[in-house]
mmCIF file of all heavy atoms, coordinates in Angstrom:
data_MODEL
# 
_entry.id   MODEL 
# 
loop_
_atom_site.group_PDB 
_atom_site.id 
_atom_site.type_symbol 
_atom_site.label_atom_id 
_atom_site.label_alt_id 
_atom_site.label_comp_id 
_atom_site.label_asym_id 
_atom_site.label_entity_id 
_atom_site.label_seq_id 
_atom_site.pdbx_PDB_ins_code 
_atom_site.Cartn_x 
_atom_site.Cartn_y 
_atom_site.Cartn_z 
_atom_site.occupancy 
_atom_site.B_iso_or_equiv 
_atom_site.pdbx_formal_charge 
_atom_site.auth_seq_id 
_atom_site.auth_comp_id 
_atom_site.auth_asym_id 
_atom_site.auth_atom_id 
_atom_site.pdbx_PDB_model_num 
ATOM 1   N N   . MET A 1 1  ? 0.863   -1.171  0.000  1.00 0.00 ? 1  MET A N   1 
ATOM 2   C CA  . MET A 1 1  ? 0.000   0.000   0.000  1.00 0.00 ? 1  MET A CA  1 
ATOM 3   C C   . MET A 1 1  ? 0.906   1.228   0.000  1.00 0.00 ? 1  MET A C   1 
ATOM 4   O O   . MET A 1 1  ? 2.115   1.124   0.225  1.00 0.00 ? 1  MET A O   1 
ATOM 5   C CB  . MET A 1 1  ? -0.901  -0.006  1.240  1.00 0.00 ? 1  MET A CB  1 
ATOM 6   C CG  . MET A 1 1  ? -1.768  -1.234  1.395  1.00 0.00 ? 1  MET A CG  1 
ATOM 7   S SD  . MET A 1 1  ? -3.154  -1.266  0.248  1.00 0.00 ? 1  MET A SD  1 
ATOM 8   C CE  . MET A 1 1  ? -4.268  -0.132  1.061  1.00 0.00 ? 1  MET A CE  1 
ATOM 9   N N   . PRO A 1 2  ? 0.352   2.430   -0.243 1.00 0.00 ? 2  PRO A N   1 
ATOM 10  C CA  . PRO A 1 2  ? 1.220   3.620   -0.245 1.00 0.00 ? 2  PRO A CA  1 
ATOM 11  C C   . PRO A 1 2  ? 1.967   3.831   1.072  1.00 0.00 ? 2  PRO A C   1 
ATOM 12  O O   . PRO A 1 2  ? 3.077   4.368   1.076  1.00 0.00 ? 2  PRO A O   1 
ATOM 13  C CB  . PRO A 1 2  ? 0.228   4.759   -0.504 1.00 0.00 ? 2  PRO A CB  1 
ATOM 14  C CG  . PRO A 1 2  ? -0.895  4.127   -1.260 1.00 0.00 ? 2  PRO A CG  1 
ATOM 15  C CD  . PRO A 1 2  ? -1.025  2.753   -0.678 1.00 0.00 ? 2  PRO A CD  1 
ATOM 16  N N   . ASP A 1 3  ? 1.380   3.370   2.204  1.00 0.00 ? 3  ASP A N   1 
ATOM 17  C CA  . ASP A 1 3  ? 1.989   3.622   3.506  1.00 0.00 ? 3  ASP A CA  1 
ATOM 18  C C   . ASP A 1 3  ? 2.509   2.362   4.178  1.00 0.00 ? 3  ASP A C   1 
ATOM 19  O O   . ASP A 1 3  ? 2.597   2.289   5.398  1.00 0.00 ? 3  ASP A O   1 
ATOM 20  C CB  . ASP A 1 3  ? 0.974   4.300   4.433  1.00 0.00 ? 3  ASP A CB  1 
ATOM 21  C CG  . ASP A 1 3  ? -0.308  3.481   4.586  1.00 0.00 ? 3  ASP A CG  1 
ATOM 22  O OD1 . ASP A 1 3  ? -0.471  2.486   3.838  1.00 0.00 ? 3  ASP A OD1 1 
ATOM 23  O OD2 . ASP A 1 3  ? -1.136  3.823   5.443  1.00 0.00 ? 3  ASP A OD2 1 
ATOM 24  N N   . GLY A 1 4  ? 2.858   1.350   3.398  1.00 0.00 ? 4  GLY A N   1 
ATOM 25  C CA  . GLY A 1 4  ? 3.350   0.105   3.965  1.00 0.00 ? 4  GLY A CA  1 
ATOM 26  C C   . GLY A 1 4  ? 2.695   -1.081  3.294  1.00 0.00 ? 4  GLY A C   1 
ATOM 27  O O   . GLY A 1 4  ? 2.743   -1.201  2.068  1.00 0.00 ? 4  GLY A O   1 
ATOM 28  N N   . VAL A 1 5  ? 2.079   -1.954  4.084  1.00 0.00 ? 5  VAL A N   1 
ATOM 29  C CA  . VAL A 1 5  ? 1.347   -3.079  3.515  1.00 0.00 ? 5  VAL A CA  1 
ATOM 30  C C   . VAL A 1 5  ? 0.000   -3.224  4.211  1.00 0.00 ? 5  VAL A C   1 
ATOM 31  O O   . VAL A 1 5  ? -0.184  -2.783  5.353  1.00 0.00 ? 5  VAL A O   1 
ATOM 32  C CB  . VAL A 1 5  ? 2.121   -4.419  3.656  1.00 0.00 ? 5  VAL A CB  1 
ATOM 33  C CG1 . VAL A 1 5  ? 3.427   -4.391  2.886  1.00 0.00 ? 5  VAL A CG1 1 
ATOM 34  C CG2 . VAL A 1 5  ? 2.340   -4.781  5.119  1.00 0.00 ? 5  VAL A CG2 1 
ATOM 35  N N   . MET A 1 6  ? -0.927  -3.834  3.496  1.00 0.00 ? 6  MET A N   1 
ATOM 36  C CA  . MET A 1 6  ? -2.172  -4.316  4.091  1.00 0.00 ? 6  MET A CA  1 
ATOM 37  C C   . MET A 1 6  ? -1.949  -5.777  4.437  1.00 0.00 ? 6  MET A C   1 
ATOM 38  O O   . MET A 1 6  ? -1.503  -6.564  3.591  1.00 0.00 ? 6  MET A O   1 
ATOM 39  C CB  . MET A 1 6  ? -3.332  -4.186  3.110  1.00 0.00 ? 6  MET A CB  1 
ATOM 40  C CG  . MET A 1 6  ? -4.631  -4.837  3.596  1.00 0.00 ? 6  MET A CG  1 
ATOM 41  S SD  . MET A 1 6  ? -5.845  -5.039  2.251  1.00 0.00 ? 6  MET A SD  1 
ATOM 42  C CE  . MET A 1 6  ? -6.236  -3.319  1.871  1.00 0.00 ? 6  MET A CE  1 
ATOM 43  N N   . ALA A 1 7  ? -2.248  -6.161  5.679  1.00 0.00 ? 7  ALA A N   1 
ATOM 44  C CA  . ALA A 1 7  ? -2.137  -7.553  6.095  1.00 0.00 ? 7  ALA A CA  1 
ATOM 45  C C   . ALA A 1 7  ? -3.526  -8.128  6.291  1.00 0.00 ? 7  ALA A C   1 
ATOM 46  O O   . ALA A 1 7  ? -4.400  -7.483  6.877  1.00 0.00 ? 7  ALA A O   1 
ATOM 47  C CB  . ALA A 1 7  ? -1.348  -7.663  7.395  1.00 0.00 ? 7  ALA A CB  1 
ATOM 48  N N   . MET A 1 8  ? -3.735  -9.337  5.780  1.00 0.00 ? 8  MET A N   1 
ATOM 49  C CA  . MET A 1 8  ? -4.971  -10.077 6.021  1.00 0.00 ? 8  MET A CA  1 
ATOM 50  C C   . MET A 1 8  ? -4.584  -11.528 6.246  1.00 0.00 ? 8  MET A C   1 
ATOM 51  O O   . MET A 1 8  ? -3.620  -12.012 5.662  1.00 0.00 ? 8  MET A O   1 
ATOM 52  C CB  . MET A 1 8  ? -5.933  -9.963  4.835  1.00 0.00 ? 8  MET A CB  1 
ATOM 53  C CG  . MET A 1 8  ? -6.502  -8.583  4.624  1.00 0.00 ? 8  MET A CG  1 
ATOM 54  S SD  . MET A 1 8  ? -7.572  -8.499  3.160  1.00 0.00 ? 8  MET A SD  1 
ATOM 55  C CE  . MET A 1 8  ? -8.848  -9.675  3.601  1.00 0.00 ? 8  MET A CE  1 
ATOM 56  N N   . GLY A 1 9  ? -5.335  -12.217 7.101  1.00 0.00 ? 9  GLY A N   1 
ATOM 57  C CA  . GLY A 1 9  ? -5.000  -13.608 7.336  1.00 0.00 ? 9  GLY A CA  1 
ATOM 58  C C   . GLY A 1 9  ? -6.051  -14.360 8.098  1.00 0.00 ? 9  GLY A C   1 
ATOM 59  O O   . GLY A 1 9  ? -7.043  -13.797 8.577  1.00 0.00 ? 9  GLY A O   1 
ATOM 60  N N   . ASP A 1 10 ? -5.820  -15.659 8.207  1.00 0.00 ? 10 ASP A N   1 
ATOM 61  C CA  . ASP A 1 10 ? -6.741  -16.592 8.837  1.00 0.00 ? 10 ASP A CA  1 
ATOM 62  C C   . ASP A 1 10 ? -5.882  -17.631 9.556  1.00 0.00 ? 10 ASP A C   1 
ATOM 63  O O   . ASP A 1 10 ? -5.224  -18.450 8.901  1.00 0.00 ? 10 ASP A O   1 
ATOM 64  C CB  . ASP A 1 10 ? -7.605  -17.242 7.751  1.00 0.00 ? 10 ASP A CB  1 
ATOM 65  C CG  . ASP A 1 10 ? -8.638  -18.207 8.298  1.00 0.00 ? 10 ASP A CG  1 
ATOM 66  O OD1 . ASP A 1 10 ? -8.797  -18.294 9.524  1.00 0.00 ? 10 ASP A OD1 1 
ATOM 67  O OD2 . ASP A 1 10 ? -9.293  -18.886 7.471  1.00 0.00 ? 10 ASP A OD2 1 
ATOM 68  N N   . LEU A 1 11 ? -5.853  -17.582 10.884 1.00 0.00 ? 11 LEU A N   1 
ATOM 69  C CA  . LEU A 1 11 ? -4.996  -18.457 11.673 1.00 0.00 ? 11 LEU A CA  1 
ATOM 70  C C   . LEU A 1 11 ? -5.829  -19.589 12.261 1.00 0.00 ? 11 LEU A C   1 
ATOM 71  O O   . LEU A 1 11 ? -6.898  -19.355 12.835 1.00 0.00 ? 11 LEU A O   1 
ATOM 72  C CB  . LEU A 1 11 ? -4.318  -17.669 12.792 1.00 0.00 ? 11 LEU A CB  1 
ATOM 73  C CG  . LEU A 1 11 ? -3.601  -16.378 12.349 1.00 0.00 ? 11 LEU A CG  1 
ATOM 74  C CD1 . LEU A 1 11 ? -2.971  -15.688 13.556 1.00 0.00 ? 11 LEU A CD1 1 
ATOM 75  C CD2 . LEU A 1 11 ? -2.561  -16.666 11.270 1.00 0.00 ? 11 LEU A CD2 1 
ATOM 76  N N   . VAL A 1 12 ? -5.354  -20.814 12.129 1.00 0.00 ? 12 VAL A N   1 
ATOM 77  C CA  . VAL A 1 12 ? -6.072  -21.990 12.616 1.00 0.00 ? 12 VAL A CA  1 
ATOM 78  C C   . VAL A 1 12 ? -5.568  -22.317 14.020 1.00 0.00 ? 12 VAL A C   1 
ATOM 79  O O   . VAL A 1 12 ? -4.368  -22.556 14.217 1.00 0.00 ? 12 VAL A O   1 
ATOM 80  C CB  . VAL A 1 12 ? -5.855  -23.190 11.680 1.00 0.00 ? 12 VAL A CB  1 
ATOM 81  C CG1 . VAL A 1 12 ? -6.647  -24.396 12.164 1.00 0.00 ? 12 VAL A CG1 1 
ATOM 82  C CG2 . VAL A 1 12 ? -6.232  -22.837 10.250 1.00 0.00 ? 12 VAL A CG2 1 
ATOM 83  N N   . LEU A 1 13 ? -6.484  -22.341 14.990 1.00 0.00 ? 13 LEU A N   1 
ATOM 84  C CA  . LEU A 1 13 ? -6.093  -22.465 16.387 1.00 0.00 ? 13 LEU A CA  1 
ATOM 85  C C   . LEU A 1 13 ? -6.985  -23.456 17.131 1.00 0.00 ? 13 LEU A C   1 
ATOM 86  O O   . LEU A 1 13 ? -8.152  -23.647 16.788 1.00 0.00 ? 13 LEU A O   1 
ATOM 87  C CB  . LEU A 1 13 ? -6.202  -21.110 17.095 1.00 0.00 ? 13 LEU A CB  1 
ATOM 88  C CG  . LEU A 1 13 ? -5.377  -19.958 16.495 1.00 0.00 ? 13 LEU A CG  1 
ATOM 89  C CD1 . LEU A 1 13 ? -5.743  -18.652 17.183 1.00 0.00 ? 13 LEU A CD1 1 
ATOM 90  C CD2 . LEU A 1 13 ? -3.887  -20.233 16.609 1.00 0.00 ? 13 LEU A CD2 1 
ATOM 91  N N   . LEU A 1 14 ? -6.413  -24.043 18.180 1.00 0.00 ? 14 LEU A N   1 
ATOM 92  C CA  . LEU A 1 14 ? -7.209  -24.772 19.153 1.00 0.00 ? 14 LEU A CA  1 
ATOM 93  C C   . LEU A 1 14 ? -7.859  -23.778 20.099 1.00 0.00 ? 14 LEU A C   1 
ATOM 94  O O   . LEU A 1 14 ? -7.398  -22.634 20.234 1.00 0.00 ? 14 LEU A O   1 
ATOM 95  C CB  . LEU A 1 14 ? -6.329  -25.746 19.928 1.00 0.00 ? 14 LEU A CB  1 
ATOM 96  C CG  . LEU A 1 14 ? -5.678  -26.869 19.116 1.00 0.00 ? 14 LEU A CG  1 
ATOM 97  C CD1 . LEU A 1 14 ? -4.766  -27.705 20.012 1.00 0.00 ? 14 LEU A CD1 1 
ATOM 98  C CD2 . LEU A 1 14 ? -6.724  -27.757 18.445 1.00 0.00 ? 14 LEU A CD2 1 
ATOM 99  N N   . GLU A 1 15 ? -8.896  -24.216 20.783 1.00 0.00 ? 15 GLU A N   1 
ATOM 100 C CA  . GLU A 1 15 ? -9.628  -23.319 21.679 1.00 0.00 ? 15 GLU A CA  1 
ATOM 101 C C   . GLU A 1 15 ? -8.714  -22.668 22.708 1.00 0.00 ? 15 GLU A C   1 
ATOM 102 O O   . GLU A 1 15 ? -8.819  -21.466 22.988 1.00 0.00 ? 15 GLU A O   1 
ATOM 103 C CB  . GLU A 1 15 ? -10.733 -24.106 22.378 1.00 0.00 ? 15 GLU A CB  1 
ATOM 104 C CG  . GLU A 1 15 ? -11.644 -23.267 23.260 1.00 0.00 ? 15 GLU A CG  1 
ATOM 105 C CD  . GLU A 1 15 ? -12.801 -24.070 23.830 1.00 0.00 ? 15 GLU A CD  1 
ATOM 106 O OE1 . GLU A 1 15 ? -12.898 -25.275 23.530 1.00 0.00 ? 15 GLU A OE1 1 
ATOM 107 O OE2 . GLU A 1 15 ? -13.615 -23.483 24.570 1.00 0.00 ? 15 GLU A OE2 1 
ATOM 108 N N   . SER A 1 16 ? -7.781  -23.437 23.272 1.00 0.00 ? 16 SER A N   1 
ATOM 109 C CA  . SER A 1 16 ? -6.890  -22.925 24.310 1.00 0.00 ? 16 SER A CA  1 
ATOM 110 C C   . SER A 1 16 ? -5.889  -21.907 23.783 1.00 0.00 ? 16 SER A C   1 
ATOM 111 O O   . SER A 1 16 ? -5.277  -21.174 24.566 1.00 0.00 ? 16 SER A O   1 
ATOM 112 C CB  . SER A 1 16 ? -6.132  -24.079 24.969 1.00 0.00 ? 16 SER A CB  1 
ATOM 113 O OG  . SER A 1 16 ? -5.343  -24.777 24.000 1.00 0.00 ? 16 SER A OG  1 
ATOM 114 N N   . GLU A 1 17 ? -5.717  -21.842 22.469 1.00 0.00 ? 17 GLU A N   1 
ATOM 115 C CA  . GLU A 1 17 ? -4.725  -20.945 21.877 1.00 0.00 ? 17 GLU A CA  1 
ATOM 116 C C   . GLU A 1 17 ? -5.306  -19.586 21.489 1.00 0.00 ? 17 GLU A C   1 
ATOM 117 O O   . GLU A 1 17 ? -4.548  -18.645 21.223 1.00 0.00 ? 17 GLU A O   1 
ATOM 118 C CB  . GLU A 1 17 ? -4.115  -21.603 20.626 1.00 0.00 ? 17 GLU A CB  1 
ATOM 119 C CG  . GLU A 1 17 ? -3.351  -22.895 20.904 1.00 0.00 ? 17 GLU A CG  1 
ATOM 120 C CD  . GLU A 1 17 ? -2.972  -23.642 19.641 1.00 0.00 ? 17 GLU A CD  1 
ATOM 121 O OE1 . GLU A 1 17 ? -3.650  -23.473 18.593 1.00 0.00 ? 17 GLU A OE1 1 
ATOM 122 O OE2 . GLU A 1 17 ? -2.005  -24.425 19.696 1.00 0.00 ? 17 GLU A OE2 1 
ATOM 123 N N   . ILE A 1 18 ? -6.626  -19.476 21.435 1.00 0.00 ? 18 ILE A N   1 
ATOM 124 C CA  . ILE A 1 18 ? -7.244  -18.282 20.858 1.00 0.00 ? 18 ILE A CA  1 
ATOM 125 C C   . ILE A 1 18 ? -6.841  -17.010 21.594 1.00 0.00 ? 18 ILE A C   1 
ATOM 126 O O   . ILE A 1 18 ? -6.328  -16.063 20.976 1.00 0.00 ? 18 ILE A O   1 
ATOM 127 C CB  . ILE A 1 18 ? -8.786  -18.422 20.848 1.00 0.00 ? 18 ILE A CB  1 
ATOM 128 C CG1 . ILE A 1 18 ? -9.217  -19.544 19.899 1.00 0.00 ? 18 ILE A CG1 1 
ATOM 129 C CG2 . ILE A 1 18 ? -9.432  -17.098 20.425 1.00 0.00 ? 18 ILE A CG2 1 
ATOM 130 C CD1 . ILE A 1 18 ? -10.694 -19.897 19.987 1.00 0.00 ? 18 ILE A CD1 1 
ATOM 131 N N   . ASN A 1 19 ? -7.070  -16.937 22.888 1.00 0.00 ? 19 ASN A N   1 
ATOM 132 C CA  . ASN A 1 19 ? -6.819  -15.676 23.587 1.00 0.00 ? 19 ASN A CA  1 
ATOM 133 C C   . ASN A 1 19 ? -5.349  -15.341 23.763 1.00 0.00 ? 19 ASN A C   1 
ATOM 134 O O   . ASN A 1 19 ? -4.977  -14.166 23.650 1.00 0.00 ? 19 ASN A O   1 
ATOM 135 C CB  . ASN A 1 19 ? -7.587  -15.646 24.906 1.00 0.00 ? 19 ASN A CB  1 
ATOM 136 C CG  . ASN A 1 19 ? -9.037  -15.247 24.679 1.00 0.00 ? 19 ASN A CG  1 
ATOM 137 O OD1 . ASN A 1 19 ? -9.334  -14.097 24.368 1.00 0.00 ? 19 ASN A OD1 1 
ATOM 138 N ND2 . ASN A 1 19 ? -9.939  -16.207 24.775 1.00 0.00 ? 19 ASN A ND2 1 
ATOM 139 N N   . PRO A 1 20 ? -4.443  -16.308 24.014 1.00 0.00 ? 20 PRO A N   1 
ATOM 140 C CA  . PRO A 1 20 ? -3.020  -15.953 24.002 1.00 0.00 ? 20 PRO A CA  1 
ATOM 141 C C   . PRO A 1 20 ? -2.556  -15.375 22.666 1.00 0.00 ? 20 PRO A C   1 
ATOM 142 O O   . PRO A 1 20 ? -1.822  -14.380 22.626 1.00 0.00 ? 20 PRO A O   1 
ATOM 143 C CB  . PRO A 1 20 ? -2.331  -17.277 24.317 1.00 0.00 ? 20 PRO A CB  1 
ATOM 144 C CG  . PRO A 1 20 ? -3.332  -18.042 25.114 1.00 0.00 ? 20 PRO A CG  1 
ATOM 145 C CD  . PRO A 1 20 ? -4.658  -17.681 24.502 1.00 0.00 ? 20 PRO A CD  1 
ATOM 146 N N   . VAL A 1 21 ? -2.991  -15.982 21.559 1.00 0.00 ? 21 VAL A N   1 
ATOM 147 C CA  . VAL A 1 21 ? -2.618  -15.465 20.235 1.00 0.00 ? 21 VAL A CA  1 
ATOM 148 C C   . VAL A 1 21 ? -3.233  -14.093 20.014 1.00 0.00 ? 21 VAL A C   1 
ATOM 149 O O   . VAL A 1 21 ? -2.565  -13.162 19.519 1.00 0.00 ? 21 VAL A O   1 
ATOM 150 C CB  . VAL A 1 21 ? -3.045  -16.458 19.135 1.00 0.00 ? 21 VAL A CB  1 
ATOM 151 C CG1 . VAL A 1 21 ? -2.899  -15.816 17.747 1.00 0.00 ? 21 VAL A CG1 1 
ATOM 152 C CG2 . VAL A 1 21 ? -2.212  -17.732 19.218 1.00 0.00 ? 21 VAL A CG2 1 
ATOM 153 N N   . MET A 1 22 ? -4.488  -13.934 20.384 1.00 0.00 ? 22 MET A N   1 
ATOM 154 C CA  . MET A 1 22 ? -5.167  -12.659 20.220 1.00 0.00 ? 22 MET A CA  1 
ATOM 155 C C   . MET A 1 22 ? -4.442  -11.538 20.969 1.00 0.00 ? 22 MET A C   1 
ATOM 156 O O   . MET A 1 22 ? -4.239  -10.434 20.430 1.00 0.00 ? 22 MET A O   1 
ATOM 157 C CB  . MET A 1 22 ? -6.605  -12.774 20.709 1.00 0.00 ? 22 MET A CB  1 
ATOM 158 C CG  . MET A 1 22 ? -7.472  -11.553 20.456 1.00 0.00 ? 22 MET A CG  1 
ATOM 159 S SD  . MET A 1 22 ? -9.143  -11.739 21.138 1.00 0.00 ? 22 MET A SD  1 
ATOM 160 C CE  . MET A 1 22 ? -9.753  -13.147 20.224 1.00 0.00 ? 22 MET A CE  1 
ATOM 161 N N   . SER A 1 23 ? -4.033  -11.797 22.192 1.00 0.00 ? 23 SER A N   1 
ATOM 162 C CA  . SER A 1 23 ? -3.341  -10.771 22.982 1.00 0.00 ? 23 SER A CA  1 
ATOM 163 C C   . SER A 1 23 ? -2.043  -10.345 22.322 1.00 0.00 ? 23 SER A C   1 
ATOM 164 O O   . SER A 1 23 ? -1.713  -9.148  22.284 1.00 0.00 ? 23 SER A O   1 
ATOM 165 C CB  . SER A 1 23 ? -3.064  -11.293 24.399 1.00 0.00 ? 23 SER A CB  1 
ATOM 166 O OG  . SER A 1 23 ? -4.271  -11.489 25.102 1.00 0.00 ? 23 SER A OG  1 
ATOM 167 N N   . LYS A 1 24 ? -1.304  -11.310 21.776 1.00 0.00 ? 24 LYS A N   1 
ATOM 168 C CA  . LYS A 1 24 ? -0.052  -10.981 21.097 1.00 0.00 ? 24 LYS A CA  1 
ATOM 169 C C   . LYS A 1 24 ? -0.298  -10.173 19.825 1.00 0.00 ? 24 LYS A C   1 
ATOM 170 O O   . LYS A 1 24 ? 0.457   -9.256  19.487 1.00 0.00 ? 24 LYS A O   1 
ATOM 171 C CB  . LYS A 1 24 ? 0.715   -12.260 20.775 1.00 0.00 ? 24 LYS A CB  1 
ATOM 172 C CG  . LYS A 1 24 ? 1.474   -12.846 21.945 1.00 0.00 ? 24 LYS A CG  1 
ATOM 173 C CD  . LYS A 1 24 ? 2.660   -11.954 22.318 1.00 0.00 ? 24 LYS A CD  1 
ATOM 174 C CE  . LYS A 1 24 ? 3.516   -12.564 23.391 1.00 0.00 ? 24 LYS A CE  1 
ATOM 175 N NZ  . LYS A 1 24 ? 4.664   -11.690 23.758 1.00 0.00 ? 24 LYS A NZ  1 
ATOM 176 N N   . LEU A 1 25 ? -1.354  -10.511 19.097 1.00 0.00 ? 25 LEU A N   1 
ATOM 177 C CA  . LEU A 1 25 ? -1.677  -9.750  17.889 1.00 0.00 ? 25 LEU A CA  1 
ATOM 178 C C   . LEU A 1 25 ? -1.993  -8.300  18.241 1.00 0.00 ? 25 LEU A C   1 
ATOM 179 O O   . LEU A 1 25 ? -1.527  -7.364  17.566 1.00 0.00 ? 25 LEU A O   1 
ATOM 180 C CB  . LEU A 1 25 ? -2.872  -10.388 17.174 1.00 0.00 ? 25 LEU A CB  1 
ATOM 181 C CG  . LEU A 1 25 ? -2.632  -11.747 16.510 1.00 0.00 ? 25 LEU A CG  1 
ATOM 182 C CD1 . LEU A 1 25 ? -3.947  -12.365 16.078 1.00 0.00 ? 25 LEU A CD1 1 
ATOM 183 C CD2 . LEU A 1 25 ? -1.680  -11.624 15.318 1.00 0.00 ? 25 LEU A CD2 1 
ATOM 184 N N   . ILE A 1 26 ? -2.777  -8.107  19.280 1.00 0.00 ? 26 ILE A N   1 
ATOM 185 C CA  . ILE A 1 26 ? -3.138  -6.746  19.701 1.00 0.00 ? 26 ILE A CA  1 
ATOM 186 C C   . ILE A 1 26 ? -1.888  -5.980  20.124 1.00 0.00 ? 26 ILE A C   1 
ATOM 187 O O   . ILE A 1 26 ? -1.709  -4.808  19.760 1.00 0.00 ? 26 ILE A O   1 
ATOM 188 C CB  . ILE A 1 26 ? -4.174  -6.808  20.841 1.00 0.00 ? 26 ILE A CB  1 
ATOM 189 C CG1 . ILE A 1 26 ? -5.498  -7.379  20.314 1.00 0.00 ? 26 ILE A CG1 1 
ATOM 190 C CG2 . ILE A 1 26 ? -4.416  -5.424  21.433 1.00 0.00 ? 26 ILE A CG2 1 
ATOM 191 C CD1 . ILE A 1 26 ? -6.482  -7.755  21.397 1.00 0.00 ? 26 ILE A CD1 1 
ATOM 192 N N   . GLU A 1 27 ? -1.004  -6.634  20.875 1.00 0.00 ? 27 GLU A N   1 
ATOM 193 C CA  . GLU A 1 27 ? 0.266   -5.995  21.276 1.00 0.00 ? 27 GLU A CA  1 
ATOM 194 C C   . GLU A 1 27 ? 1.052   -5.532  20.063 1.00 0.00 ? 27 GLU A C   1 
ATOM 195 O O   . GLU A 1 27 ? 1.718   -4.495  20.098 1.00 0.00 ? 27 GLU A O   1 
ATOM 196 C CB  . GLU A 1 27 ? 1.127   -6.981  22.064 1.00 0.00 ? 27 GLU A CB  1 
ATOM 197 C CG  . GLU A 1 27 ? 0.753   -7.186  23.508 1.00 0.00 ? 27 GLU A CG  1 
ATOM 198 C CD  . GLU A 1 27 ? 1.683   -8.178  24.174 1.00 0.00 ? 27 GLU A CD  1 
ATOM 199 O OE1 . GLU A 1 27 ? 2.841   -8.318  23.711 1.00 0.00 ? 27 GLU A OE1 1 
ATOM 200 O OE2 . GLU A 1 27 ? 1.260   -8.834  25.149 1.00 0.00 ? 27 GLU A OE2 1 
ATOM 201 N N   . GLY A 1 28 ? 0.998   -6.316  18.994 1.00 0.00 ? 28 GLY A N   1 
ATOM 202 C CA  . GLY A 1 28 ? 1.766   -6.016  17.788 1.00 0.00 ? 28 GLY A CA  1 
ATOM 203 C C   . GLY A 1 28 ? 1.083   -5.059  16.832 1.00 0.00 ? 28 GLY A C   1 
ATOM 204 O O   . GLY A 1 28 ? 1.595   -4.817  15.735 1.00 0.00 ? 28 GLY A O   1 
ATOM 205 N N   . GLY A 1 29 ? -0.083  -4.526  17.214 1.00 0.00 ? 29 GLY A N   1 
ATOM 206 C CA  . GLY A 1 29 ? -0.758  -3.535  16.381 1.00 0.00 ? 29 GLY A CA  1 
ATOM 207 C C   . GLY A 1 29 ? -1.654  -4.102  15.308 1.00 0.00 ? 29 GLY A C   1 
ATOM 208 O O   . GLY A 1 29 ? -2.079  -3.357  14.412 1.00 0.00 ? 29 GLY A O   1 
# 
């Protein structure tokens, strides 16, 4: 994109992994 990149994705997770992964994604912007 003009200001970097657009990121889109679909991560496959077990139930126990959802919120730990989510928290890290939020930390990373």
